[in-house]
N, C-alpha and C. Protein backbone atom coordinates (compact mmCIF):
# COMPACT_ATOMS: atom_id res chain seq x y z
N MET A 1 -45.10 22.02 -54.80
CA MET A 1 -43.66 22.15 -54.97
C MET A 1 -42.92 21.18 -54.06
N LYS A 2 -43.43 21.01 -52.85
CA LYS A 2 -42.79 20.12 -51.89
C LYS A 2 -42.84 18.67 -52.39
N LYS A 3 -44.00 18.26 -52.95
CA LYS A 3 -44.13 16.91 -53.49
C LYS A 3 -43.19 16.70 -54.67
N PHE A 4 -43.03 17.73 -55.49
CA PHE A 4 -42.13 17.65 -56.64
C PHE A 4 -40.70 17.42 -56.18
N LEU A 5 -40.26 18.17 -55.17
CA LEU A 5 -38.90 18.02 -54.66
C LEU A 5 -38.67 16.65 -54.03
N ILE A 6 -39.67 16.17 -53.31
CA ILE A 6 -39.56 14.83 -52.72
C ILE A 6 -39.49 13.78 -53.83
N GLY A 7 -40.33 13.91 -54.83
CA GLY A 7 -40.31 12.99 -55.97
C GLY A 7 -38.98 13.02 -56.70
N LEU A 8 -38.44 14.21 -56.90
CA LEU A 8 -37.15 14.36 -57.57
C LEU A 8 -36.05 13.71 -56.74
N ALA A 9 -36.08 13.90 -55.44
CA ALA A 9 -35.07 13.30 -54.57
C ALA A 9 -35.15 11.77 -54.63
N VAL A 10 -36.35 11.22 -54.66
CA VAL A 10 -36.53 9.77 -54.75
C VAL A 10 -35.97 9.25 -56.07
N VAL A 11 -36.27 9.95 -57.16
CA VAL A 11 -35.77 9.53 -58.47
C VAL A 11 -34.24 9.56 -58.51
N VAL A 12 -33.65 10.59 -57.96
CA VAL A 12 -32.19 10.70 -57.93
C VAL A 12 -31.58 9.58 -57.09
N LEU A 13 -32.14 9.32 -55.92
CA LEU A 13 -31.62 8.27 -55.06
C LEU A 13 -31.76 6.88 -55.69
N VAL A 14 -32.89 6.61 -56.32
CA VAL A 14 -33.09 5.32 -56.97
C VAL A 14 -32.13 5.17 -58.14
N GLY A 15 -31.97 6.23 -58.92
CA GLY A 15 -31.03 6.20 -60.05
C GLY A 15 -29.61 5.96 -59.58
N PHE A 16 -29.20 6.65 -58.52
CA PHE A 16 -27.85 6.47 -57.98
C PHE A 16 -27.66 5.05 -57.48
N GLY A 17 -28.66 4.52 -56.79
CA GLY A 17 -28.58 3.15 -56.29
C GLY A 17 -28.46 2.14 -57.43
N ALA A 18 -29.21 2.35 -58.50
CA ALA A 18 -29.14 1.46 -59.66
C ALA A 18 -27.76 1.52 -60.30
N LEU A 19 -27.18 2.70 -60.40
CA LEU A 19 -25.84 2.83 -60.96
C LEU A 19 -24.81 2.11 -60.11
N GLN A 20 -24.92 2.22 -58.80
CA GLN A 20 -23.99 1.54 -57.90
C GLN A 20 -24.09 0.02 -58.05
N ILE A 21 -25.30 -0.48 -58.16
CA ILE A 21 -25.51 -1.92 -58.33
C ILE A 21 -24.94 -2.37 -59.67
N ALA A 22 -25.22 -1.63 -60.72
CA ALA A 22 -24.70 -1.98 -62.05
C ALA A 22 -23.18 -1.98 -62.06
N GLU A 23 -22.58 -0.99 -61.43
CA GLU A 23 -21.11 -0.92 -61.39
C GLU A 23 -20.53 -2.11 -60.64
N SER A 24 -21.13 -2.49 -59.53
CA SER A 24 -20.58 -3.62 -58.77
C SER A 24 -20.74 -4.93 -59.53
N VAL A 25 -21.82 -5.07 -60.30
CA VAL A 25 -22.02 -6.29 -61.08
C VAL A 25 -21.07 -6.32 -62.27
N ILE A 26 -20.91 -5.19 -62.94
CA ILE A 26 -20.09 -5.14 -64.15
C ILE A 26 -18.60 -5.05 -63.82
N MET A 27 -18.23 -4.19 -62.92
CA MET A 27 -16.81 -3.94 -62.63
C MET A 27 -16.32 -4.62 -61.37
N GLY A 28 -17.20 -5.02 -60.50
CA GLY A 28 -16.80 -5.66 -59.25
C GLY A 28 -16.38 -7.10 -59.49
N GLY A 29 -15.90 -7.73 -58.45
CA GLY A 29 -15.51 -9.12 -58.57
C GLY A 29 -14.65 -9.55 -57.42
N ASP A 30 -13.93 -10.64 -57.64
CA ASP A 30 -13.06 -11.22 -56.62
C ASP A 30 -11.67 -10.63 -56.71
N SER A 31 -11.00 -10.54 -55.57
CA SER A 31 -9.64 -10.01 -55.52
C SER A 31 -8.63 -11.15 -55.64
N TYR A 32 -7.65 -10.94 -56.49
CA TYR A 32 -6.53 -11.86 -56.67
C TYR A 32 -5.24 -11.05 -56.63
N TYR A 33 -4.15 -11.72 -56.28
CA TYR A 33 -2.86 -11.06 -56.16
C TYR A 33 -1.86 -11.74 -57.08
N VAL A 34 -1.07 -10.92 -57.77
CA VAL A 34 -0.02 -11.43 -58.66
C VAL A 34 1.27 -10.67 -58.40
N GLN A 35 2.36 -11.26 -58.86
CA GLN A 35 3.64 -10.56 -58.87
C GLN A 35 4.10 -10.52 -60.32
N ILE A 36 4.47 -9.34 -60.80
CA ILE A 36 4.93 -9.19 -62.17
C ILE A 36 6.31 -9.82 -62.29
N THR A 37 6.42 -10.83 -63.13
CA THR A 37 7.67 -11.56 -63.29
C THR A 37 8.22 -11.47 -64.71
N THR A 38 7.46 -10.88 -65.63
CA THR A 38 7.88 -10.75 -67.02
C THR A 38 7.65 -9.33 -67.49
N ASP A 39 8.18 -9.02 -68.67
CA ASP A 39 7.91 -7.71 -69.28
C ASP A 39 6.58 -7.69 -70.00
N GLY A 40 5.92 -8.81 -70.13
CA GLY A 40 4.66 -8.87 -70.86
C GLY A 40 4.91 -8.89 -72.36
N GLU A 41 3.86 -9.13 -73.10
CA GLU A 41 3.94 -9.17 -74.56
C GLU A 41 3.45 -7.84 -75.11
N LYS A 42 4.33 -7.09 -75.75
CA LYS A 42 4.02 -5.76 -76.24
C LYS A 42 3.22 -5.83 -77.54
N THR A 43 2.14 -5.06 -77.58
CA THR A 43 1.37 -4.90 -78.82
C THR A 43 1.05 -3.42 -79.00
N THR A 44 0.92 -3.02 -80.25
CA THR A 44 0.50 -1.65 -80.55
C THR A 44 -0.69 -1.70 -81.48
N SER A 45 -1.53 -0.69 -81.38
CA SER A 45 -2.69 -0.60 -82.25
C SER A 45 -3.00 0.86 -82.51
N LYS A 46 -3.79 1.09 -83.55
CA LYS A 46 -4.20 2.45 -83.91
C LYS A 46 -5.70 2.56 -83.81
N ASP A 47 -6.15 3.75 -83.38
CA ASP A 47 -7.59 3.99 -83.39
C ASP A 47 -7.96 4.61 -84.74
N ASP A 48 -9.23 4.92 -84.91
CA ASP A 48 -9.71 5.47 -86.17
C ASP A 48 -9.09 6.82 -86.51
N SER A 49 -8.61 7.53 -85.50
CA SER A 49 -7.99 8.84 -85.72
C SER A 49 -6.50 8.73 -86.02
N GLY A 50 -5.95 7.52 -85.99
CA GLY A 50 -4.54 7.33 -86.26
C GLY A 50 -3.65 7.39 -85.03
N ASN A 51 -4.22 7.55 -83.84
CA ASN A 51 -3.43 7.56 -82.61
C ASN A 51 -2.94 6.14 -82.32
N VAL A 52 -1.67 6.02 -81.97
CA VAL A 52 -1.07 4.72 -81.69
C VAL A 52 -1.11 4.47 -80.18
N TYR A 53 -1.54 3.26 -79.82
CA TYR A 53 -1.63 2.87 -78.42
C TYR A 53 -0.76 1.64 -78.18
N THR A 54 -0.03 1.65 -77.08
CA THR A 54 0.80 0.52 -76.69
C THR A 54 0.20 -0.14 -75.46
N GLN A 55 0.24 -1.45 -75.45
CA GLN A 55 -0.20 -2.18 -74.27
C GLN A 55 0.67 -3.41 -74.11
N TYR A 56 0.72 -3.92 -72.89
CA TYR A 56 1.49 -5.11 -72.57
C TYR A 56 0.53 -6.15 -72.01
N HIS A 57 0.57 -7.34 -72.58
CA HIS A 57 -0.31 -8.43 -72.16
C HIS A 57 0.43 -9.35 -71.20
N TYR A 58 -0.23 -9.70 -70.11
CA TYR A 58 0.35 -10.58 -69.09
C TYR A 58 -0.58 -11.76 -68.86
N GLU A 59 0.00 -12.92 -68.64
CA GLU A 59 -0.74 -14.11 -68.24
C GLU A 59 0.06 -14.72 -67.09
N LEU A 60 -0.46 -14.56 -65.88
CA LEU A 60 0.30 -14.92 -64.68
C LEU A 60 -0.57 -15.69 -63.69
N PRO A 61 0.07 -16.52 -62.85
CA PRO A 61 -0.68 -17.17 -61.78
C PRO A 61 -1.07 -16.13 -60.73
N ALA A 62 -2.32 -16.18 -60.32
CA ALA A 62 -2.84 -15.25 -59.32
C ALA A 62 -3.44 -16.06 -58.17
N TYR A 63 -3.47 -15.46 -56.99
CA TYR A 63 -3.94 -16.17 -55.80
C TYR A 63 -4.94 -15.31 -55.04
N ASP A 64 -6.02 -15.96 -54.58
CA ASP A 64 -6.98 -15.23 -53.76
C ASP A 64 -6.51 -15.22 -52.31
N GLU A 65 -7.31 -14.66 -51.43
CA GLU A 65 -6.89 -14.52 -50.02
C GLU A 65 -6.70 -15.86 -49.32
N ASN A 66 -7.28 -16.93 -49.88
CA ASN A 66 -7.14 -18.27 -49.31
C ASN A 66 -6.00 -19.06 -49.95
N GLY A 67 -5.29 -18.45 -50.88
CA GLY A 67 -4.18 -19.12 -51.55
C GLY A 67 -4.59 -19.95 -52.75
N LYS A 68 -5.87 -19.87 -53.13
CA LYS A 68 -6.36 -20.62 -54.28
C LYS A 68 -5.85 -19.97 -55.57
N SER A 69 -5.35 -20.80 -56.48
CA SER A 69 -4.69 -20.32 -57.70
C SER A 69 -5.66 -20.22 -58.88
N LYS A 70 -5.40 -19.23 -59.73
CA LYS A 70 -6.12 -19.07 -60.99
C LYS A 70 -5.17 -18.33 -61.92
N THR A 71 -5.01 -18.81 -63.15
CA THR A 71 -4.19 -18.11 -64.12
C THR A 71 -5.05 -17.01 -64.74
N LEU A 72 -4.58 -15.78 -64.61
CA LEU A 72 -5.33 -14.63 -65.13
C LEU A 72 -4.54 -13.93 -66.21
N ASP A 73 -5.25 -13.44 -67.21
CA ASP A 73 -4.59 -12.64 -68.22
C ASP A 73 -5.20 -11.24 -68.21
N PHE A 74 -4.33 -10.26 -68.38
CA PHE A 74 -4.77 -8.86 -68.35
C PHE A 74 -3.78 -8.01 -69.13
N ASN A 75 -4.18 -6.79 -69.41
CA ASN A 75 -3.35 -5.86 -70.17
C ASN A 75 -2.97 -4.67 -69.33
N GLY A 76 -1.72 -4.23 -69.49
CA GLY A 76 -1.26 -2.99 -68.90
C GLY A 76 -1.26 -1.95 -70.01
N PHE A 77 -2.09 -0.95 -69.89
CA PHE A 77 -2.22 0.07 -70.94
C PHE A 77 -1.28 1.23 -70.64
N GLN A 78 0.01 0.99 -70.85
CA GLN A 78 1.03 1.99 -70.60
C GLN A 78 2.05 1.92 -71.72
N GLU A 79 2.87 2.93 -71.82
CA GLU A 79 3.92 2.97 -72.84
C GLU A 79 5.10 2.08 -72.47
N ARG A 80 5.12 1.58 -71.26
CA ARG A 80 6.21 0.74 -70.80
C ARG A 80 5.63 -0.44 -70.04
N PRO A 81 6.41 -1.52 -69.89
CA PRO A 81 5.90 -2.67 -69.13
C PRO A 81 5.68 -2.31 -67.66
N LEU A 82 4.83 -3.09 -67.02
CA LEU A 82 4.66 -2.92 -65.58
C LEU A 82 5.97 -3.27 -64.89
N ARG A 83 6.20 -2.67 -63.74
CA ARG A 83 7.46 -2.84 -63.02
C ARG A 83 7.62 -4.29 -62.56
N LYS A 84 8.76 -4.89 -62.95
CA LYS A 84 9.03 -6.27 -62.53
C LYS A 84 9.13 -6.34 -61.01
N GLU A 85 8.67 -7.45 -60.49
CA GLU A 85 8.65 -7.75 -59.05
C GLU A 85 7.55 -7.00 -58.30
N ALA A 86 6.81 -6.13 -58.97
CA ALA A 86 5.72 -5.41 -58.32
C ALA A 86 4.58 -6.39 -57.99
N TYR A 87 3.92 -6.15 -56.88
CA TYR A 87 2.73 -6.91 -56.51
C TYR A 87 1.50 -6.12 -56.94
N LEU A 88 0.54 -6.82 -57.55
CA LEU A 88 -0.70 -6.18 -57.96
C LEU A 88 -1.88 -6.89 -57.33
N LYS A 89 -2.89 -6.09 -57.02
CA LYS A 89 -4.18 -6.64 -56.61
C LYS A 89 -5.10 -6.48 -57.83
N LEU A 90 -5.61 -7.60 -58.34
CA LEU A 90 -6.48 -7.60 -59.50
C LEU A 90 -7.92 -7.81 -59.05
N THR A 91 -8.84 -7.18 -59.75
CA THR A 91 -10.25 -7.47 -59.56
C THR A 91 -10.68 -8.30 -60.76
N TRP A 92 -11.16 -9.52 -60.48
CA TRP A 92 -11.55 -10.45 -61.53
C TRP A 92 -13.05 -10.69 -61.47
N ASN A 93 -13.69 -10.56 -62.63
CA ASN A 93 -15.12 -10.74 -62.77
C ASN A 93 -15.36 -11.90 -63.73
N GLU A 94 -16.25 -12.81 -63.38
CA GLU A 94 -16.48 -14.00 -64.20
C GLU A 94 -16.89 -13.65 -65.63
N LYS A 95 -17.63 -12.60 -65.82
CA LYS A 95 -18.09 -12.23 -67.16
C LYS A 95 -17.11 -11.36 -67.92
N LYS A 96 -16.37 -10.51 -67.22
CA LYS A 96 -15.49 -9.54 -67.87
C LYS A 96 -14.01 -9.86 -67.75
N GLY A 97 -13.63 -10.82 -66.92
CA GLY A 97 -12.21 -11.09 -66.68
C GLY A 97 -11.65 -10.07 -65.70
N VAL A 98 -10.41 -9.67 -65.90
CA VAL A 98 -9.79 -8.68 -65.02
C VAL A 98 -10.34 -7.30 -65.39
N THR A 99 -10.97 -6.65 -64.43
CA THR A 99 -11.57 -5.34 -64.69
C THR A 99 -10.72 -4.19 -64.17
N SER A 100 -9.80 -4.48 -63.24
CA SER A 100 -8.93 -3.42 -62.73
C SER A 100 -7.74 -4.04 -62.02
N TYR A 101 -6.71 -3.22 -61.84
CA TYR A 101 -5.56 -3.64 -61.05
C TYR A 101 -4.95 -2.42 -60.39
N GLU A 102 -4.27 -2.67 -59.28
CA GLU A 102 -3.55 -1.61 -58.58
C GLU A 102 -2.34 -2.23 -57.91
N GLU A 103 -1.26 -1.46 -57.85
CA GLU A 103 -0.06 -1.95 -57.18
C GLU A 103 -0.29 -1.89 -55.67
N VAL A 104 0.15 -2.94 -54.97
CA VAL A 104 0.03 -2.99 -53.52
C VAL A 104 1.39 -3.35 -52.93
N LYS A 105 1.54 -3.04 -51.67
CA LYS A 105 2.76 -3.39 -50.95
C LYS A 105 2.66 -4.83 -50.45
N GLU A 106 3.79 -5.46 -50.28
CA GLU A 106 3.84 -6.85 -49.83
C GLU A 106 3.06 -7.04 -48.53
N LYS A 107 3.14 -6.07 -47.63
CA LYS A 107 2.47 -6.19 -46.32
C LYS A 107 0.94 -6.16 -46.44
N ASP A 108 0.43 -5.70 -47.59
CA ASP A 108 -1.02 -5.61 -47.79
C ASP A 108 -1.62 -6.86 -48.43
N ILE A 109 -0.78 -7.85 -48.72
CA ILE A 109 -1.25 -9.08 -49.36
C ILE A 109 -1.60 -10.08 -48.27
N PRO A 110 -2.77 -10.74 -48.35
CA PRO A 110 -3.12 -11.76 -47.36
C PRO A 110 -2.04 -12.84 -47.28
N ALA A 111 -1.81 -13.36 -46.09
CA ALA A 111 -0.71 -14.29 -45.83
C ALA A 111 -0.70 -15.50 -46.75
N LYS A 112 -1.85 -16.13 -46.96
CA LYS A 112 -1.89 -17.34 -47.80
C LYS A 112 -1.55 -17.02 -49.25
N ALA A 113 -2.01 -15.90 -49.75
CA ALA A 113 -1.68 -15.50 -51.12
C ALA A 113 -0.20 -15.18 -51.23
N LEU A 114 0.34 -14.49 -50.24
CA LEU A 114 1.76 -14.13 -50.26
C LEU A 114 2.65 -15.37 -50.22
N THR A 115 2.28 -16.34 -49.41
CA THR A 115 3.03 -17.59 -49.34
C THR A 115 3.09 -18.25 -50.71
N GLN A 116 1.97 -18.27 -51.40
CA GLN A 116 1.94 -18.86 -52.75
C GLN A 116 2.78 -18.06 -53.73
N LEU A 117 2.71 -16.74 -53.65
CA LEU A 117 3.48 -15.89 -54.56
C LEU A 117 4.98 -16.06 -54.34
N LYS A 118 5.37 -16.20 -53.10
CA LYS A 118 6.79 -16.37 -52.79
C LYS A 118 7.30 -17.74 -53.24
N GLY A 119 6.41 -18.74 -53.24
CA GLY A 119 6.80 -20.08 -53.65
C GLY A 119 6.64 -20.33 -55.14
N ALA A 120 5.94 -19.43 -55.81
CA ALA A 120 5.66 -19.65 -57.24
C ALA A 120 6.84 -19.33 -58.11
């Protein structure tokens, strides 16, 4: 019984570790910062059940912590546009593009990125 429990614990730990690695490879990436300057391009679509979904598409200049620029495109899956003038931290993955975003305060943006955003 003791060997079984040890074996089970090893399997669970290995499985959890594999999931963490997969998540970081698939969803992880580099951080970029943008400021919302437009309302985005509104699109609507329906799923197979007939539910209507609204999203807003954005294509904006983004800056990493060193101030290096990259134009990123992403979607806001909300019924309304993202708040104008809001700062966002985007996670960009080479294979998946932008995988996530979150609103951040100006004070949380690295200085070089903020300088670029203010001058853009």
